[in-house]
Amino acid sequence: MTVKKIDHARVKSLVTELLEALGEDPSREGLKETPRRIANFWQEFIEYDAGKLDTTFSAIKHNQMVCVTGMKVWSMCEHHMLPFWCDISIAYIANDKVLGLSKFARIAHKHAHKLTLQEQLVSDISNDLVEILGTKDVAVLAKGEHLCMTMRGIKTPHRMISSALNGQSRTANGIFTLSRCLRKKPQSFYI
């Protein structure tokens, strides 16, 4: 995976220009370090390295649904460049291999660290899991709040839910089992 690089000096310069365009004095005490801080934030956000994503192990039992829930990620709306957060839940039906537990969060964070949309985020996570696990039986659910709606425009708190359902998770039985799996107290379910 190639990590994107930002032009740190240019971001600092652009933030200084933005402050001036907003009628602020970038040399005043409270704003002196703001361009550097914002450039540092974008560098940390965009240049995020998720590390190794594809550590798998032989499945102990086939056709077992594996669910990982409660992973919170922050991302940036590509339309407004404002943050949004999502609680990510992932489920898949194990065939020949299972994914190392930390890899779910690494994959979710990998795709959250860019300008994106929530719908794209769940799709990207799902595509990586399908490729790594070699199964189409993958479901990704995200429930989040977007500051582009909460703090601007209509200014209304909300929760947006989006999903990427593949393979058996698209069937009525799969959706029912998935909904049971994604409750607050997940259990192991067999299909």
N, C-alpha and C. Protein backbone atom coordinates (compact mmCIF):
# COMPACT_ATOMS: atom_id res chain seq x y z
N MET A 1 0.84 -1.17 0.00
CA MET A 1 0.00 0.00 0.00
C MET A 1 0.89 1.24 0.00
N THR A 2 0.70 2.12 -0.96
CA THR A 2 1.45 3.36 -1.03
C THR A 2 0.74 4.43 -0.22
N VAL A 3 1.49 5.06 0.67
CA VAL A 3 0.91 6.12 1.50
C VAL A 3 1.05 7.44 0.76
N LYS A 4 -0.07 8.18 0.65
CA LYS A 4 -0.04 9.50 0.03
C LYS A 4 0.80 10.44 0.86
N LYS A 5 1.40 11.42 0.20
CA LYS A 5 2.17 12.46 0.89
C LYS A 5 1.52 13.81 0.59
N ILE A 6 1.53 14.70 1.59
CA ILE A 6 1.00 16.04 1.37
C ILE A 6 2.17 17.01 1.22
N ASP A 7 1.89 18.16 0.64
CA ASP A 7 2.88 19.24 0.54
C ASP A 7 2.69 20.12 1.78
N HIS A 8 3.40 19.79 2.85
CA HIS A 8 3.24 20.43 4.15
C HIS A 8 3.42 21.95 4.05
N ALA A 9 4.47 22.41 3.37
CA ALA A 9 4.75 23.85 3.26
C ALA A 9 3.62 24.56 2.53
N ARG A 10 3.11 23.93 1.49
CA ARG A 10 2.02 24.56 0.72
C ARG A 10 0.74 24.62 1.55
N VAL A 11 0.44 23.57 2.31
CA VAL A 11 -0.75 23.58 3.17
C VAL A 11 -0.62 24.72 4.18
N LYS A 12 0.53 24.88 4.80
CA LYS A 12 0.74 25.99 5.74
C LYS A 12 0.48 27.33 5.06
N SER A 13 1.02 27.50 3.87
CA SER A 13 0.84 28.75 3.13
C SER A 13 -0.64 29.00 2.80
N LEU A 14 -1.33 27.94 2.38
CA LEU A 14 -2.75 28.08 2.05
C LEU A 14 -3.60 28.41 3.27
N VAL A 15 -3.25 27.85 4.43
CA VAL A 15 -3.99 28.17 5.65
C VAL A 15 -3.76 29.63 6.03
N THR A 16 -2.54 30.11 5.86
CA THR A 16 -2.26 31.53 6.11
C THR A 16 -3.12 32.40 5.20
N GLU A 17 -3.18 32.03 3.91
CA GLU A 17 -4.02 32.77 2.95
C GLU A 17 -5.49 32.72 3.35
N LEU A 18 -5.94 31.57 3.79
CA LEU A 18 -7.34 31.42 4.21
C LEU A 18 -7.64 32.33 5.40
N LEU A 19 -6.75 32.34 6.38
CA LEU A 19 -6.96 33.20 7.55
C LEU A 19 -7.07 34.66 7.12
N GLU A 20 -6.20 35.07 6.21
CA GLU A 20 -6.25 36.45 5.70
C GLU A 20 -7.56 36.71 4.96
N ALA A 21 -8.00 35.75 4.14
CA ALA A 21 -9.25 35.90 3.39
C ALA A 21 -10.46 35.97 4.31
N LEU A 22 -10.33 35.38 5.52
CA LEU A 22 -11.41 35.42 6.50
C LEU A 22 -11.36 36.69 7.35
N GLY A 23 -10.41 37.58 7.04
CA GLY A 23 -10.29 38.84 7.77
C GLY A 23 -9.50 38.72 9.06
N GLU A 24 -8.77 37.63 9.23
CA GLU A 24 -7.97 37.41 10.43
C GLU A 24 -6.53 37.86 10.20
N ASP A 25 -5.83 38.07 11.29
CA ASP A 25 -4.40 38.42 11.23
C ASP A 25 -3.61 37.17 11.63
N PRO A 26 -3.01 36.46 10.66
CA PRO A 26 -2.29 35.22 10.97
C PRO A 26 -1.09 35.42 11.89
N SER A 27 -0.67 36.67 12.09
CA SER A 27 0.49 36.91 12.95
C SER A 27 0.10 37.17 14.40
N ARG A 28 -1.21 37.24 14.67
CA ARG A 28 -1.61 37.48 16.06
C ARG A 28 -1.36 36.24 16.91
N GLU A 29 -1.23 36.45 18.21
CA GLU A 29 -0.80 35.41 19.16
C GLU A 29 -1.55 34.09 18.98
N GLY A 30 -2.86 34.11 18.97
CA GLY A 30 -3.64 32.87 18.91
C GLY A 30 -3.57 32.15 17.58
N LEU A 31 -3.14 32.82 16.53
CA LEU A 31 -3.12 32.21 15.20
C LEU A 31 -1.72 31.94 14.65
N LYS A 32 -0.68 32.37 15.35
CA LYS A 32 0.69 32.22 14.83
C LYS A 32 1.03 30.80 14.42
N GLU A 33 0.65 29.86 15.23
CA GLU A 33 1.00 28.45 14.98
C GLU A 33 -0.11 27.67 14.27
N THR A 34 -1.23 28.32 13.99
CA THR A 34 -2.37 27.63 13.39
C THR A 34 -2.04 27.02 12.03
N PRO A 35 -1.38 27.73 11.11
CA PRO A 35 -1.05 27.09 9.83
C PRO A 35 -0.22 25.81 10.00
N ARG A 36 0.75 25.82 10.89
CA ARG A 36 1.57 24.63 11.13
C ARG A 36 0.72 23.51 11.73
N ARG A 37 -0.12 23.87 12.70
CA ARG A 37 -0.96 22.84 13.34
C ARG A 37 -1.90 22.17 12.34
N ILE A 38 -2.50 22.99 11.49
CA ILE A 38 -3.43 22.43 10.49
C ILE A 38 -2.68 21.59 9.47
N ALA A 39 -1.50 22.05 9.04
CA ALA A 39 -0.69 21.25 8.11
C ALA A 39 -0.28 19.93 8.77
N ASN A 40 0.07 19.98 10.06
CA ASN A 40 0.42 18.75 10.78
C ASN A 40 -0.77 17.79 10.85
N PHE A 41 -1.96 18.36 11.11
CA PHE A 41 -3.16 17.52 11.15
C PHE A 41 -3.35 16.81 9.82
N TRP A 42 -3.32 17.56 8.71
CA TRP A 42 -3.54 16.96 7.40
C TRP A 42 -2.47 15.93 7.07
N GLN A 43 -1.25 16.20 7.50
CA GLN A 43 -0.17 15.24 7.26
C GLN A 43 -0.46 13.94 8.02
N GLU A 44 -0.81 14.06 9.29
CA GLU A 44 -1.13 12.87 10.10
C GLU A 44 -2.33 12.13 9.53
N PHE A 45 -3.34 12.86 9.09
CA PHE A 45 -4.57 12.27 8.58
C PHE A 45 -4.34 11.57 7.24
N ILE A 46 -3.76 12.26 6.28
CA ILE A 46 -3.60 11.72 4.93
C ILE A 46 -2.48 10.69 4.84
N GLU A 47 -1.40 10.91 5.58
CA GLU A 47 -0.24 10.02 5.49
C GLU A 47 -0.34 8.84 6.46
N TYR A 48 -1.52 8.57 6.97
CA TYR A 48 -1.76 7.46 7.89
C TYR A 48 -1.31 6.14 7.25
N ASP A 49 -0.59 5.35 8.01
CA ASP A 49 -0.16 4.04 7.54
C ASP A 49 -0.83 2.98 8.41
N ALA A 50 -1.72 2.21 7.82
CA ALA A 50 -2.49 1.21 8.56
C ALA A 50 -1.66 -0.03 8.91
N GLY A 51 -0.50 -0.16 8.31
CA GLY A 51 0.33 -1.34 8.60
C GLY A 51 -0.15 -2.56 7.84
N LYS A 52 0.22 -3.74 8.31
CA LYS A 52 -0.13 -4.99 7.64
C LYS A 52 -1.61 -5.28 7.83
N LEU A 53 -2.30 -5.55 6.71
CA LEU A 53 -3.75 -5.71 6.74
C LEU A 53 -4.22 -7.14 6.51
N ASP A 54 -3.36 -8.01 6.04
CA ASP A 54 -3.85 -9.30 5.54
C ASP A 54 -3.38 -10.51 6.34
N THR A 55 -3.19 -10.37 7.65
CA THR A 55 -2.83 -11.51 8.48
C THR A 55 -4.07 -12.39 8.68
N THR A 56 -4.00 -13.61 8.16
CA THR A 56 -5.13 -14.54 8.28
C THR A 56 -4.66 -15.84 8.92
N PHE A 57 -5.63 -16.60 9.42
CA PHE A 57 -5.38 -17.88 10.06
C PHE A 57 -6.37 -18.90 9.50
N SER A 58 -6.05 -20.16 9.59
CA SER A 58 -6.97 -21.21 9.13
C SER A 58 -8.24 -21.16 9.97
N ALA A 59 -9.37 -21.29 9.31
CA ALA A 59 -10.65 -21.29 10.02
C ALA A 59 -10.81 -22.58 10.81
N ILE A 60 -11.27 -22.46 12.02
CA ILE A 60 -11.51 -23.63 12.87
C ILE A 60 -12.81 -24.30 12.46
N LYS A 61 -13.81 -23.50 12.16
CA LYS A 61 -15.13 -24.02 11.76
C LYS A 61 -15.59 -23.22 10.55
N HIS A 62 -16.05 -23.94 9.55
CA HIS A 62 -16.55 -23.29 8.35
C HIS A 62 -17.99 -22.84 8.55
N ASN A 63 -18.41 -21.85 7.77
CA ASN A 63 -19.78 -21.31 7.80
C ASN A 63 -20.13 -20.65 9.12
N GLN A 64 -19.15 -20.20 9.85
CA GLN A 64 -19.40 -19.46 11.09
C GLN A 64 -19.37 -17.98 10.77
N MET A 65 -20.39 -17.24 11.25
CA MET A 65 -20.38 -15.80 11.05
C MET A 65 -19.50 -15.17 12.12
N VAL A 66 -18.57 -14.36 11.67
CA VAL A 66 -17.69 -13.63 12.57
C VAL A 66 -18.11 -12.17 12.51
N CYS A 67 -18.33 -11.56 13.68
CA CYS A 67 -18.75 -10.16 13.75
C CYS A 67 -17.78 -9.37 14.62
N VAL A 68 -17.42 -8.20 14.14
CA VAL A 68 -16.62 -7.27 14.93
C VAL A 68 -17.37 -5.95 14.92
N THR A 69 -17.70 -5.43 16.10
CA THR A 69 -18.53 -4.23 16.17
C THR A 69 -17.86 -3.17 17.04
N GLY A 70 -18.41 -1.95 16.96
CA GLY A 70 -17.99 -0.88 17.86
C GLY A 70 -16.69 -0.20 17.51
N MET A 71 -16.22 -0.34 16.27
CA MET A 71 -14.99 0.34 15.86
C MET A 71 -15.34 1.75 15.42
N LYS A 72 -14.84 2.75 16.14
CA LYS A 72 -15.14 4.14 15.79
C LYS A 72 -14.00 4.69 14.95
N VAL A 73 -14.36 5.28 13.81
CA VAL A 73 -13.39 5.94 12.96
C VAL A 73 -13.87 7.35 12.66
N TRP A 74 -12.92 8.23 12.40
CA TRP A 74 -13.20 9.59 11.96
C TRP A 74 -12.71 9.74 10.54
N SER A 75 -13.48 10.45 9.73
CA SER A 75 -13.09 10.71 8.36
C SER A 75 -13.46 12.14 8.01
N MET A 76 -13.26 12.49 6.75
CA MET A 76 -13.58 13.85 6.28
C MET A 76 -14.49 13.77 5.06
N CYS A 77 -15.59 14.47 5.14
CA CYS A 77 -16.54 14.57 4.03
C CYS A 77 -15.85 15.24 2.84
N GLU A 78 -15.89 14.58 1.70
CA GLU A 78 -15.24 15.15 0.52
C GLU A 78 -16.02 16.32 -0.07
N HIS A 79 -17.26 16.49 0.32
CA HIS A 79 -18.05 17.61 -0.20
C HIS A 79 -17.79 18.92 0.55
N HIS A 80 -17.57 18.82 1.87
CA HIS A 80 -17.44 20.03 2.70
C HIS A 80 -16.12 20.12 3.46
N MET A 81 -15.32 19.05 3.40
CA MET A 81 -14.07 18.95 4.14
C MET A 81 -14.29 19.17 5.64
N LEU A 82 -15.40 18.64 6.13
CA LEU A 82 -15.70 18.65 7.56
C LEU A 82 -15.71 17.20 8.05
N PRO A 83 -15.41 16.99 9.33
CA PRO A 83 -15.32 15.62 9.86
C PRO A 83 -16.67 14.92 9.95
N PHE A 84 -16.60 13.60 9.88
CA PHE A 84 -17.71 12.75 10.28
C PHE A 84 -17.12 11.54 10.99
N TRP A 85 -17.91 10.98 11.91
CA TRP A 85 -17.48 9.78 12.61
C TRP A 85 -18.46 8.66 12.30
N CYS A 86 -17.96 7.46 12.39
CA CYS A 86 -18.81 6.28 12.17
C CYS A 86 -18.43 5.19 13.15
N ASP A 87 -19.44 4.50 13.66
CA ASP A 87 -19.23 3.23 14.33
C ASP A 87 -19.34 2.17 13.25
N ILE A 88 -18.28 1.42 13.07
CA ILE A 88 -18.21 0.42 12.00
C ILE A 88 -18.45 -0.97 12.60
N SER A 89 -19.29 -1.73 11.93
CA SER A 89 -19.49 -3.14 12.27
C SER A 89 -19.23 -3.95 11.02
N ILE A 90 -18.50 -5.04 11.20
CA ILE A 90 -18.15 -5.91 10.08
C ILE A 90 -18.55 -7.33 10.43
N ALA A 91 -19.12 -8.02 9.46
CA ALA A 91 -19.45 -9.44 9.63
C ALA A 91 -19.07 -10.17 8.35
N TYR A 92 -18.60 -11.40 8.52
CA TYR A 92 -18.34 -12.24 7.36
C TYR A 92 -18.52 -13.70 7.76
N ILE A 93 -18.73 -14.52 6.77
CA ILE A 93 -18.86 -15.95 7.01
C ILE A 93 -17.52 -16.59 6.68
N ALA A 94 -16.91 -17.15 7.71
CA ALA A 94 -15.58 -17.74 7.56
C ALA A 94 -15.65 -19.02 6.73
N ASN A 95 -14.78 -19.09 5.76
CA ASN A 95 -14.63 -20.32 4.96
C ASN A 95 -13.31 -20.96 5.33
N ASP A 96 -12.30 -20.73 4.54
CA ASP A 96 -11.00 -21.37 4.80
C ASP A 96 -10.12 -20.58 5.76
N LYS A 97 -10.38 -19.29 5.91
CA LYS A 97 -9.50 -18.49 6.76
C LYS A 97 -10.28 -17.41 7.50
N VAL A 98 -9.67 -16.98 8.62
CA VAL A 98 -10.22 -15.88 9.40
C VAL A 98 -9.15 -14.79 9.45
N LEU A 99 -9.61 -13.57 9.61
CA LEU A 99 -8.72 -12.41 9.63
C LEU A 99 -8.29 -12.11 11.06
N GLY A 100 -7.02 -11.72 11.23
CA GLY A 100 -6.56 -11.30 12.55
C GLY A 100 -7.42 -10.15 13.05
N LEU A 101 -7.78 -10.18 14.32
CA LEU A 101 -8.77 -9.25 14.88
C LEU A 101 -8.41 -7.78 14.66
N SER A 102 -7.17 -7.40 14.90
CA SER A 102 -6.80 -5.98 14.76
C SER A 102 -6.89 -5.50 13.31
N LYS A 103 -6.90 -6.43 12.36
CA LYS A 103 -6.91 -6.05 10.95
C LYS A 103 -8.22 -5.38 10.55
N PHE A 104 -9.30 -5.72 11.24
CA PHE A 104 -10.59 -5.07 10.94
C PHE A 104 -10.48 -3.56 11.17
N ALA A 105 -9.95 -3.19 12.32
CA ALA A 105 -9.80 -1.76 12.64
C ALA A 105 -8.79 -1.11 11.70
N ARG A 106 -7.70 -1.81 11.39
CA ARG A 106 -6.70 -1.25 10.48
C ARG A 106 -7.30 -0.96 9.10
N ILE A 107 -8.10 -1.89 8.60
CA ILE A 107 -8.73 -1.70 7.29
C ILE A 107 -9.73 -0.55 7.35
N ALA A 108 -10.52 -0.48 8.43
CA ALA A 108 -11.49 0.62 8.57
C ALA A 108 -10.77 1.97 8.61
N HIS A 109 -9.71 2.05 9.41
CA HIS A 109 -8.96 3.31 9.50
C HIS A 109 -8.26 3.66 8.19
N LYS A 110 -7.75 2.66 7.51
CA LYS A 110 -7.09 2.91 6.22
C LYS A 110 -8.02 3.69 5.29
N HIS A 111 -9.26 3.26 5.22
CA HIS A 111 -10.20 3.90 4.29
C HIS A 111 -10.83 5.17 4.85
N ALA A 112 -10.79 5.34 6.16
CA ALA A 112 -11.34 6.57 6.76
C ALA A 112 -10.37 7.74 6.63
N HIS A 113 -9.10 7.48 6.46
CA HIS A 113 -8.08 8.53 6.43
C HIS A 113 -7.91 9.13 5.05
N LYS A 114 -9.00 9.67 4.53
CA LYS A 114 -8.99 10.36 3.23
C LYS A 114 -10.30 11.13 3.11
N LEU A 115 -10.38 11.98 2.13
CA LEU A 115 -11.63 12.65 1.83
C LEU A 115 -12.53 11.61 1.17
N THR A 116 -13.71 11.41 1.74
CA THR A 116 -14.59 10.35 1.25
C THR A 116 -16.03 10.61 1.67
N LEU A 117 -16.90 9.70 1.32
CA LEU A 117 -18.30 9.68 1.75
C LEU A 117 -18.52 8.41 2.55
N GLN A 118 -19.48 8.42 3.44
CA GLN A 118 -19.75 7.24 4.26
C GLN A 118 -20.08 6.03 3.39
N GLU A 119 -20.86 6.25 2.34
CA GLU A 119 -21.22 5.15 1.45
C GLU A 119 -19.98 4.54 0.78
N GLN A 120 -19.04 5.40 0.41
CA GLN A 120 -17.80 4.92 -0.20
C GLN A 120 -16.95 4.20 0.83
N LEU A 121 -16.94 4.71 2.06
CA LEU A 121 -16.16 4.11 3.14
C LEU A 121 -16.55 2.64 3.35
N VAL A 122 -17.86 2.36 3.48
CA VAL A 122 -18.28 0.97 3.71
C VAL A 122 -17.98 0.09 2.50
N SER A 123 -18.12 0.65 1.32
CA SER A 123 -17.81 -0.10 0.10
C SER A 123 -16.32 -0.44 0.01
N ASP A 124 -15.46 0.53 0.33
CA ASP A 124 -14.01 0.29 0.28
C ASP A 124 -13.58 -0.75 1.31
N ILE A 125 -14.13 -0.67 2.52
CA ILE A 125 -13.82 -1.65 3.57
C ILE A 125 -14.25 -3.04 3.10
N SER A 126 -15.46 -3.13 2.58
CA SER A 126 -15.99 -4.41 2.12
C SER A 126 -15.12 -4.99 1.00
N ASN A 127 -14.73 -4.16 0.04
CA ASN A 127 -13.91 -4.64 -1.08
C ASN A 127 -12.58 -5.22 -0.59
N ASP A 128 -11.95 -4.55 0.37
CA ASP A 128 -10.69 -5.07 0.92
C ASP A 128 -10.91 -6.43 1.59
N LEU A 129 -11.98 -6.55 2.37
CA LEU A 129 -12.25 -7.80 3.08
C LEU A 129 -12.56 -8.94 2.11
N VAL A 130 -13.32 -8.67 1.08
CA VAL A 130 -13.62 -9.69 0.07
C VAL A 130 -12.32 -10.19 -0.57
N GLU A 131 -11.44 -9.26 -0.89
CA GLU A 131 -10.17 -9.62 -1.52
C GLU A 131 -9.26 -10.41 -0.57
N ILE A 132 -9.12 -9.94 0.66
CA ILE A 132 -8.22 -10.59 1.62
C ILE A 132 -8.74 -11.95 2.05
N LEU A 133 -10.05 -12.06 2.31
CA LEU A 133 -10.62 -13.30 2.83
C LEU A 133 -11.00 -14.31 1.75
N GLY A 134 -11.11 -13.84 0.51
CA GLY A 134 -11.48 -14.75 -0.57
C GLY A 134 -12.91 -15.23 -0.47
N THR A 135 -13.77 -14.45 0.15
CA THR A 135 -15.20 -14.79 0.25
C THR A 135 -16.03 -13.56 -0.09
N LYS A 136 -17.19 -13.80 -0.69
CA LYS A 136 -18.10 -12.69 -0.97
C LYS A 136 -19.07 -12.46 0.18
N ASP A 137 -19.05 -13.34 1.16
CA ASP A 137 -20.00 -13.28 2.27
C ASP A 137 -19.51 -12.28 3.33
N VAL A 138 -19.55 -10.99 2.96
CA VAL A 138 -19.04 -9.91 3.80
C VAL A 138 -20.12 -8.84 3.91
N ALA A 139 -20.29 -8.31 5.12
CA ALA A 139 -21.21 -7.20 5.34
C ALA A 139 -20.49 -6.14 6.19
N VAL A 140 -20.65 -4.89 5.78
CA VAL A 140 -20.08 -3.77 6.53
C VAL A 140 -21.21 -2.77 6.77
N LEU A 141 -21.34 -2.36 8.02
CA LEU A 141 -22.38 -1.40 8.41
C LEU A 141 -21.70 -0.22 9.10
N ALA A 142 -22.09 0.99 8.73
CA ALA A 142 -21.56 2.19 9.39
C ALA A 142 -22.73 3.05 9.85
N LYS A 143 -22.63 3.52 11.08
CA LYS A 143 -23.63 4.42 11.65
C LYS A 143 -22.86 5.63 12.15
N GLY A 144 -23.16 6.80 11.57
CA GLY A 144 -22.34 7.95 11.92
C GLY A 144 -23.06 9.27 11.90
N GLU A 145 -22.32 10.28 12.31
CA GLU A 145 -22.82 11.66 12.30
C GLU A 145 -21.84 12.51 11.51
N HIS A 146 -22.40 13.36 10.66
CA HIS A 146 -21.62 14.20 9.75
C HIS A 146 -21.74 15.66 10.19
N LEU A 147 -20.61 16.27 10.54
CA LEU A 147 -20.65 17.66 10.99
C LEU A 147 -21.08 18.61 9.89
N CYS A 148 -20.98 18.19 8.63
CA CYS A 148 -21.46 19.05 7.54
C CYS A 148 -22.98 19.23 7.61
N MET A 149 -23.68 18.38 8.33
CA MET A 149 -25.12 18.56 8.55
C MET A 149 -25.40 19.08 9.96
N THR A 150 -24.58 18.66 10.93
CA THR A 150 -24.83 19.02 12.32
C THR A 150 -24.45 20.47 12.62
N MET A 151 -23.36 20.96 12.03
CA MET A 151 -22.88 22.31 12.38
C MET A 151 -23.10 23.36 11.29
N ARG A 152 -23.59 22.97 10.14
CA ARG A 152 -23.85 23.94 9.07
C ARG A 152 -25.16 23.57 8.39
N GLY A 153 -25.61 24.39 7.47
CA GLY A 153 -26.85 24.10 6.76
C GLY A 153 -28.02 23.97 7.71
N ILE A 154 -28.63 22.81 7.76
CA ILE A 154 -29.82 22.57 8.58
C ILE A 154 -29.50 22.52 10.07
N LYS A 155 -28.23 22.30 10.44
CA LYS A 155 -27.76 22.27 11.83
C LYS A 155 -28.59 21.33 12.70
N THR A 156 -28.65 20.07 12.26
CA THR A 156 -29.45 19.07 12.96
C THR A 156 -28.63 17.83 13.26
N PRO A 157 -28.56 17.44 14.55
CA PRO A 157 -27.90 16.17 14.87
C PRO A 157 -28.65 15.02 14.19
N HIS A 158 -27.94 13.99 13.85
CA HIS A 158 -28.54 12.89 13.11
C HIS A 158 -27.64 11.67 13.22
N ARG A 159 -28.12 10.54 12.72
CA ARG A 159 -27.32 9.34 12.53
C ARG A 159 -27.64 8.84 11.13
N MET A 160 -26.61 8.65 10.35
CA MET A 160 -26.75 8.09 9.01
C MET A 160 -26.25 6.65 9.07
N ILE A 161 -27.02 5.75 8.48
CA ILE A 161 -26.63 4.34 8.44
C ILE A 161 -26.44 3.94 6.98
N SER A 162 -25.32 3.32 6.70
CA SER A 162 -25.08 2.80 5.35
C SER A 162 -24.46 1.43 5.47
N SER A 163 -24.65 0.63 4.41
CA SER A 163 -24.13 -0.74 4.47
C SER A 163 -23.64 -1.16 3.10
N ALA A 164 -22.74 -2.12 3.13
CA ALA A 164 -22.30 -2.83 1.93
C ALA A 164 -22.53 -4.30 2.22
N LEU A 165 -23.50 -4.89 1.54
CA LEU A 165 -23.87 -6.28 1.77
C LEU A 165 -23.49 -7.11 0.55
N ASN A 166 -22.78 -8.19 0.78
CA ASN A 166 -22.33 -9.06 -0.30
C ASN A 166 -22.67 -10.51 0.02
N GLY A 167 -22.76 -11.34 -1.00
CA GLY A 167 -22.96 -12.77 -0.82
C GLY A 167 -24.18 -13.09 0.01
N GLN A 168 -24.03 -14.01 0.97
CA GLN A 168 -25.15 -14.47 1.80
C GLN A 168 -25.74 -13.36 2.66
N SER A 169 -24.95 -12.32 2.94
CA SER A 169 -25.48 -11.24 3.79
C SER A 169 -26.60 -10.48 3.08
N ARG A 170 -26.76 -10.67 1.77
CA ARG A 170 -27.83 -10.00 1.01
C ARG A 170 -29.15 -10.76 1.07
N THR A 171 -29.14 -12.00 1.54
CA THR A 171 -30.37 -12.79 1.60
C THR A 171 -31.16 -12.41 2.86
N ALA A 172 -32.44 -12.78 2.88
CA ALA A 172 -33.28 -12.48 4.05
C ALA A 172 -32.71 -13.13 5.30
N ASN A 173 -32.29 -14.38 5.20
CA ASN A 173 -31.72 -15.08 6.35
C ASN A 173 -30.41 -14.42 6.78
N GLY A 174 -29.61 -14.03 5.81
CA GLY A 174 -28.35 -13.36 6.12
C GLY A 174 -28.56 -12.03 6.81
N ILE A 175 -29.52 -11.25 6.35
CA ILE A 175 -29.80 -9.95 6.97
C ILE A 175 -30.34 -10.14 8.38
N PHE A 176 -31.22 -11.15 8.58
CA PHE A 176 -31.74 -11.43 9.92
C PHE A 176 -30.61 -11.83 10.87
N THR A 177 -29.77 -12.75 10.43
CA THR A 177 -28.66 -13.22 11.26
C THR A 177 -27.69 -12.08 11.54
N LEU A 178 -27.42 -11.28 10.53
CA LEU A 178 -26.53 -10.13 10.69
C LEU A 178 -27.10 -9.15 11.72
N SER A 179 -28.40 -8.88 11.65
CA SER A 179 -29.00 -7.94 12.60
C SER A 179 -28.89 -8.47 14.03
N ARG A 180 -29.02 -9.78 14.22
CA ARG A 180 -28.84 -10.38 15.55
C ARG A 180 -27.39 -10.24 16.00
N CYS A 181 -26.49 -10.43 15.07
CA CYS A 181 -25.05 -10.36 15.38
C CYS A 181 -24.64 -8.95 15.78
N LEU A 182 -25.25 -7.95 15.20
CA LEU A 182 -24.83 -6.58 15.42
C LEU A 182 -25.54 -5.89 16.58
N ARG A 183 -26.27 -6.65 17.37
CA ARG A 183 -26.86 -6.10 18.59
C ARG A 183 -25.77 -5.66 19.54
N LYS A 184 -26.15 -4.98 20.63
CA LYS A 184 -25.17 -4.49 21.59
C LYS A 184 -24.32 -5.59 22.19
N LYS A 185 -24.90 -6.77 22.42
CA LYS A 185 -24.15 -7.88 23.01
C LYS A 185 -24.04 -8.98 21.96
N PRO A 186 -23.03 -8.88 21.06
CA PRO A 186 -22.91 -9.87 19.99
C PRO A 186 -22.68 -11.28 20.54
N GLN A 187 -23.19 -12.23 19.82
CA GLN A 187 -23.00 -13.64 20.12
C GLN A 187 -22.50 -14.31 18.86
N SER A 188 -22.14 -15.55 18.95
CA SER A 188 -21.71 -16.30 17.78
C SER A 188 -22.93 -17.00 17.19
N PHE A 189 -23.13 -16.85 15.90
CA PHE A 189 -24.27 -17.47 15.23
C PHE A 189 -23.76 -18.32 14.08
N TYR A 190 -24.43 -19.40 13.81
CA TYR A 190 -24.04 -20.29 12.72
C TYR A 190 -25.15 -20.30 11.68
N ILE A 191 -24.75 -20.29 10.43
CA ILE A 191 -25.74 -20.35 9.34
C ILE A 191 -25.73 -21.74 8.76
